[in-house]
Amino acid sequence: MSNFVYKTTLRRLGDHVVEATGGTDGRVVMGPKGTPHSFTPVELLLAAIAGCSGMDLCTLSERDGVEVGGFEVRVRGVKPIGATRLSNIDVTYVVDGADPEAVAPLVAEVAELCTVGLTVNEGCPVEHSLAAPDRGA
């Protein structure tokens, strides 16, 4: 069985400002809180959870024929003062014009499917290494 492999490259743009590029040439700028037109790394983590959850909700609603219409996924993370990690993350779905009883089982299933949320919740080893720059031929 083969695996999906995801890759992202990050480059420094300036003092504490970096840009990540994904496999489809998507780009996102990260910087300290207050940097214009950017996310902090923690906000980007929360956005990834929201994005994964929202895309899964779309897939499940189409599969089950449940019309969800417009929706928002609001993600809130809490980091205690002096801590180096979030203590909890809450995901809230705000669905406009859909039957809450029809959407609730889908939201429960999203919690069991979202790759990003599951990875954060269950943990995954993160290995750091150092490599020499590519100098081309």
Protein backbone atom coordinates (compact mmCIF):
# COMPACT_ATOMS: atom_id res chain seq x y z
CA MET A 1 0.00 0.00 0.00
CA SER A 2 1.46 3.36 -0.98
CA ASN A 3 1.26 6.53 1.11
CA PHE A 4 0.25 10.09 0.34
CA VAL A 5 3.26 12.33 0.88
CA TYR A 6 2.73 16.01 1.64
CA LYS A 7 5.53 18.56 1.34
CA THR A 8 5.87 22.20 2.27
CA THR A 9 8.86 24.48 1.84
CA LEU A 10 9.37 27.52 4.04
CA ARG A 11 11.63 30.47 3.13
CA ARG A 12 12.63 33.46 5.16
CA LEU A 13 11.32 36.76 3.76
CA GLY A 14 12.55 39.09 6.49
CA ASP A 15 12.93 39.56 10.21
CA HIS A 16 10.67 36.87 11.72
CA VAL A 17 8.58 36.74 8.53
CA VAL A 18 8.49 33.54 6.45
CA GLU A 19 6.52 32.19 3.49
CA ALA A 20 5.42 28.59 3.13
CA THR A 21 4.80 27.09 -0.30
CA GLY A 22 2.74 23.94 -0.81
CA GLY A 23 2.70 21.27 -3.49
CA THR A 24 0.16 23.17 -5.62
CA ASP A 25 2.04 26.48 -5.38
CA GLY A 26 -0.25 27.72 -2.63
CA ARG A 27 1.46 30.34 -0.50
CA VAL A 28 0.96 31.64 3.01
CA VAL A 29 2.95 34.23 4.94
CA MET A 30 3.63 33.78 8.65
CA GLY A 31 4.98 36.29 11.10
CA PRO A 32 4.64 37.50 14.65
CA LYS A 33 1.25 38.72 15.87
CA GLY A 34 0.50 42.03 14.20
CA THR A 35 2.37 41.33 10.94
CA PRO A 36 0.05 42.56 8.14
CA HIS A 37 -1.54 39.98 5.82
CA SER A 38 -0.10 37.00 7.67
CA PHE A 39 -0.87 34.24 10.11
CA THR A 40 1.06 33.34 13.22
CA PRO A 41 2.17 29.69 13.10
CA VAL A 42 -0.46 28.80 15.74
CA GLU A 43 -3.21 30.57 13.77
CA LEU A 44 -2.13 28.59 10.71
CA LEU A 45 -2.39 25.34 12.69
CA LEU A 46 -5.93 26.32 13.73
CA ALA A 47 -6.74 27.29 10.13
CA ALA A 48 -5.52 23.87 8.97
CA ILE A 49 -7.88 22.19 11.43
CA ALA A 50 -10.74 24.42 10.24
CA GLY A 51 -9.91 23.79 6.59
CA CYS A 52 -9.69 20.03 6.97
CA SER A 53 -12.90 19.92 9.00
CA GLY A 54 -14.79 22.16 6.58
CA MET A 55 -13.68 20.19 3.53
CA ASP A 56 -14.67 16.93 5.23
CA LEU A 57 -18.07 18.42 6.10
CA CYS A 58 -18.57 19.28 2.40
CA THR A 59 -17.61 15.75 1.33
CA LEU A 60 -19.88 14.07 3.89
CA SER A 61 -22.85 16.35 3.18
CA GLU A 62 -22.58 15.60 -0.55
CA ARG A 63 -22.28 11.87 0.15
CA ASP A 64 -25.37 11.86 2.37
CA GLY A 65 -27.38 14.39 0.38
CA VAL A 66 -27.59 16.82 3.30
CA GLU A 67 -27.72 20.47 2.24
CA VAL A 68 -25.50 22.47 4.61
CA GLY A 69 -25.51 25.75 2.65
CA GLY A 70 -23.16 28.38 3.95
CA PHE A 71 -21.13 27.57 7.03
CA GLU A 72 -18.21 28.69 9.14
CA VAL A 73 -15.81 26.55 11.13
CA ARG A 74 -14.50 28.52 14.10
CA VAL A 75 -11.44 27.13 15.84
CA ARG A 76 -10.14 28.44 19.15
CA GLY A 77 -6.90 27.38 20.77
CA VAL A 78 -5.77 28.25 24.29
CA LYS A 79 -2.11 28.54 25.24
CA PRO A 80 -1.44 29.09 28.94
CA ILE A 81 1.03 31.86 29.78
CA GLY A 82 4.54 30.42 29.82
CA ALA A 83 3.51 27.19 28.07
CA THR A 84 5.07 25.91 24.85
CA ARG A 85 1.95 24.18 23.53
CA LEU A 86 -1.80 24.69 23.34
CA SER A 87 -3.76 23.22 26.22
CA ASN A 88 -6.97 22.70 24.24
CA ILE A 89 -8.54 23.36 20.86
CA ASP A 90 -12.28 23.83 20.32
CA VAL A 91 -13.94 23.48 16.90
CA THR A 92 -17.40 25.03 16.42
CA TYR A 93 -19.52 24.69 13.29
CA VAL A 94 -21.94 27.50 12.42
CA VAL A 95 -24.24 26.25 9.67
CA ASP A 96 -26.70 28.68 8.08
CA GLY A 97 -30.04 27.36 6.90
CA ALA A 98 -29.47 23.64 7.50
CA ASP A 99 -31.34 21.26 9.76
CA PRO A 100 -29.16 20.92 12.89
CA GLU A 101 -30.40 17.35 13.44
CA ALA A 102 -29.22 16.37 9.95
CA VAL A 103 -25.84 18.10 10.31
CA ALA A 104 -24.95 16.88 13.84
CA PRO A 105 -24.06 13.32 12.76
CA LEU A 106 -21.88 14.72 9.98
CA VAL A 107 -19.99 16.91 12.45
CA ALA A 108 -19.44 13.87 14.67
CA GLU A 109 -18.07 11.96 11.67
CA VAL A 110 -15.80 14.87 10.71
CA ALA A 111 -14.19 14.56 14.15
CA GLU A 112 -13.29 10.96 13.25
CA LEU A 113 -12.02 11.78 9.72
CA CYS A 114 -10.14 15.09 9.75
CA THR A 115 -6.49 14.17 9.22
CA VAL A 116 -5.16 17.41 10.71
CA GLY A 117 -7.35 17.30 13.81
CA LEU A 118 -6.63 13.63 14.41
CA THR A 119 -2.88 14.16 14.00
CA VAL A 120 -2.90 16.99 16.54
CA ASN A 121 -5.20 15.11 18.91
CA GLU A 122 -3.38 11.77 18.80
CA GLY A 123 0.15 13.09 18.26
CA CYS A 124 2.72 12.36 15.59
CA PRO A 125 6.50 12.26 15.82
CA VAL A 126 8.16 15.38 14.40
CA GLU A 127 11.80 14.85 13.47
CA HIS A 128 14.18 17.78 12.89
CA SER A 129 17.38 17.49 10.82
CA LEU A 130 19.92 19.75 9.13
CA ALA A 131 20.83 19.54 5.42
CA ALA A 132 23.28 21.39 3.18
CA PRO A 133 21.75 23.89 0.73
CA ASP A 134 21.06 22.72 -2.84
CA ARG A 135 23.54 24.54 -5.09
CA GLY A 136 22.24 23.31 -8.44
CA ALA A 137 24.32 21.80 -11.25
